[in-house]
Amino acid sequence: GRTRKMITYLLLLTVASILIPPYQAEDGCKMMLDKHNKAEMMSRNFIFGNNNLWPNKQVPYTFGPSFTPNEKSLIQRAMNTIQAQSCVTFVPRSSQRNFVQFRNDKEGCFA
């Protein structure tokens, strides 16, 4: 059910992060880009511009309370893959206003 969907999504994310060639920004940071055009990216909440970057290239994250240790480990491995291929690092959230929240208590993917 829910775990299988999450695992499938994370595996696809990991494969995509490996197969999609990164874009080299001026500061040396690599950004993952896919083959979609700008209009398609905008329809998927893609944000352009240097004002919208994660501060210090760090992405704070939290896990919802329903995850098992194995599920958290799987997500963390996917984050490690992304970190290895880009300039962002994932850090546990402390008091940051903007952060990524992993939840598995609702169907779908939300941004």
Foldseek 3Di string as FASTA:
>chain_A
DLLVVLLVVLVVLLVLLVPFDWDQDPVRWTHGDDPDDPVVCVVVVNDDDPVPADVVLEAEEEEDPPDDPVSVVSNVVSQVSNVVRGVHHYDHDDPDPDHYYHYRPDDDDDD
